[in-house]
Protein backbone atom coordinates (compact mmCIF):
# COMPACT_ATOMS: atom_id res chain seq x y z
CA MET A 1 -24.11 -0.23 -19.61
CA LYS A 2 -24.23 -3.08 -17.14
CA ILE A 3 -22.42 -3.50 -13.87
CA VAL A 4 -20.43 -6.73 -13.70
CA THR A 5 -19.00 -8.27 -10.54
CA ILE A 6 -16.08 -10.55 -11.32
CA ASP A 7 -14.82 -13.49 -9.26
CA ASP A 8 -12.71 -11.61 -6.72
CA GLY A 9 -15.25 -8.86 -6.01
CA LEU A 10 -14.10 -6.41 -8.69
CA THR A 11 -17.06 -4.38 -10.00
CA LEU A 12 -16.90 -2.88 -13.49
CA ASP A 13 -19.35 -1.03 -15.71
CA THR A 14 -19.43 -2.33 -19.30
CA ALA A 15 -21.60 -2.62 -22.37
CA ASN A 16 -20.38 -6.16 -23.09
CA PRO A 17 -20.22 -8.16 -19.83
CA ASP A 18 -19.57 -11.57 -21.45
CA GLN A 19 -16.58 -10.29 -23.40
CA LEU A 20 -15.14 -8.56 -20.34
CA THR A 21 -15.54 -11.61 -18.09
CA GLN A 22 -14.00 -14.03 -20.59
CA ALA A 23 -11.05 -11.70 -21.21
CA TYR A 24 -10.58 -11.26 -17.44
CA ARG A 25 -10.26 -15.01 -16.95
CA ARG A 26 -7.93 -15.26 -19.93
CA GLY A 27 -5.76 -12.48 -18.44
CA GLN A 28 -5.57 -14.31 -15.12
CA ALA A 29 -4.12 -17.41 -16.81
CA ALA A 30 -1.95 -15.62 -19.41
CA ILE A 31 1.36 -15.90 -17.54
CA GLU A 32 0.88 -19.59 -16.77
CA ARG A 33 0.22 -20.27 -20.46
CA GLY A 34 3.23 -18.20 -21.54
CA GLU A 35 1.02 -15.92 -23.62
CA ASP A 36 2.42 -12.83 -25.38
CA THR A 37 0.31 -10.34 -23.44
CA ASP A 38 1.31 -7.30 -25.52
CA ASN A 39 0.09 -8.86 -28.75
CA VAL A 40 -3.17 -10.07 -27.21
CA LEU A 41 -3.88 -6.59 -25.83
CA LYS A 42 -3.01 -4.93 -29.16
CA ARG A 43 -5.28 -7.36 -30.99
CA HIS A 44 -8.22 -6.47 -28.73
CA LEU A 45 -7.61 -2.76 -29.23
CA LEU A 46 -7.22 -3.02 -33.02
CA ARG A 47 -10.51 -4.93 -33.26
CA GLY A 48 -12.24 -2.31 -31.12
CA GLU A 49 -12.93 -4.81 -28.33
CA PHE A 50 -12.43 -2.32 -25.54
CA ALA A 51 -14.36 -4.36 -22.96
CA ALA A 52 -12.09 -7.33 -23.70
CA ALA A 53 -8.98 -5.14 -23.42
CA ALA A 54 -10.12 -3.80 -20.05
CA GLY A 55 -11.02 -7.27 -18.79
CA TYR A 56 -7.68 -8.67 -19.96
CA LEU A 57 -5.74 -5.93 -18.15
CA HIS A 58 -7.74 -6.42 -14.95
CA GLY A 59 -7.10 -10.17 -15.19
CA LEU A 60 -3.35 -9.61 -15.59
CA ALA A 61 -3.39 -7.30 -12.57
CA ALA A 62 -5.31 -9.83 -10.46
CA ASP A 63 -2.78 -12.53 -11.33
CA ALA A 64 0.10 -10.18 -10.48
CA ARG A 65 -1.44 -9.42 -7.07
CA LYS A 66 -1.65 -13.17 -6.33
CA ARG A 67 2.04 -13.55 -7.14
CA LEU A 68 3.25 -10.78 -4.84
CA PRO A 69 5.31 -12.05 -1.92
CA VAL A 70 3.83 -11.81 1.55
CA HIS A 71 5.85 -9.47 3.73
CA PRO A 72 6.16 -10.03 7.49
CA ASP A 73 4.63 -7.45 9.84
CA ASP A 74 8.04 -5.96 10.68
CA CYS A 75 9.39 -5.90 7.12
CA PRO A 76 11.96 -3.09 6.73
CA CYS A 77 11.36 -2.48 3.00
CA ARG A 78 10.42 1.06 2.00
CA ILE A 79 6.93 0.13 0.79
CA CYS A 80 6.02 -1.68 4.03
CA VAL A 81 7.42 1.11 6.21
CA HIS A 82 5.41 3.69 4.25
CA ALA A 83 2.24 1.58 4.52
CA ARG A 84 2.66 1.21 8.30
CA GLU A 85 3.24 4.95 8.71
CA ALA A 86 0.17 5.77 6.60
CA LEU A 87 -1.90 3.35 8.68
CA MET A 88 -0.72 4.93 11.94
CA ARG A 89 -1.51 8.44 10.64
CA SER A 90 -4.98 7.26 9.64
CA ILE A 91 -5.59 5.65 13.04
CA TYR A 92 -4.38 8.78 14.85
CA ARG A 93 -6.55 11.05 12.65
CA THR A 94 -9.63 8.90 13.32
CA TRP A 95 -8.90 8.89 17.07
CA ARG A 96 -8.36 12.67 17.11
CA GLU A 97 -11.64 13.28 15.27
CA GLY A 98 -13.44 10.95 17.69
CA VAL A 99 -12.03 12.74 20.74
CA ALA A 100 -12.98 16.15 19.34
CA ALA A 101 -16.61 15.04 18.86
C-alpha cells in the first residue's frame, strides 16, 4: 500500500496510485463532459478496479464541492445556522477548558 496525495490535499492509501490518480481526475471532469457516471463506476467495479472506483468517486465529490454555492455569513438556511451554532459551541468548549486549566 502506498499513500497518495492528490491535487487538493486529499491523502489516500492505495495499492495502485496511478490508477487512483487518473480516475480522480476523470471524476473531476465527468460532469463537464456529460459522462454517465453510474456506468463508469459500475465498469470499474465489475473489472475489479477498486482503486479506480475510489478515485472516481473522490473526483466526483471534489467537483461537487467546487460547485456548491457560497453562502453569506448571515445566511438563514438550516445548514448554515447549524454550522454557526456548532462553531460557537466548539469555541465556548475550548474557552471553558482553557479557563479551567
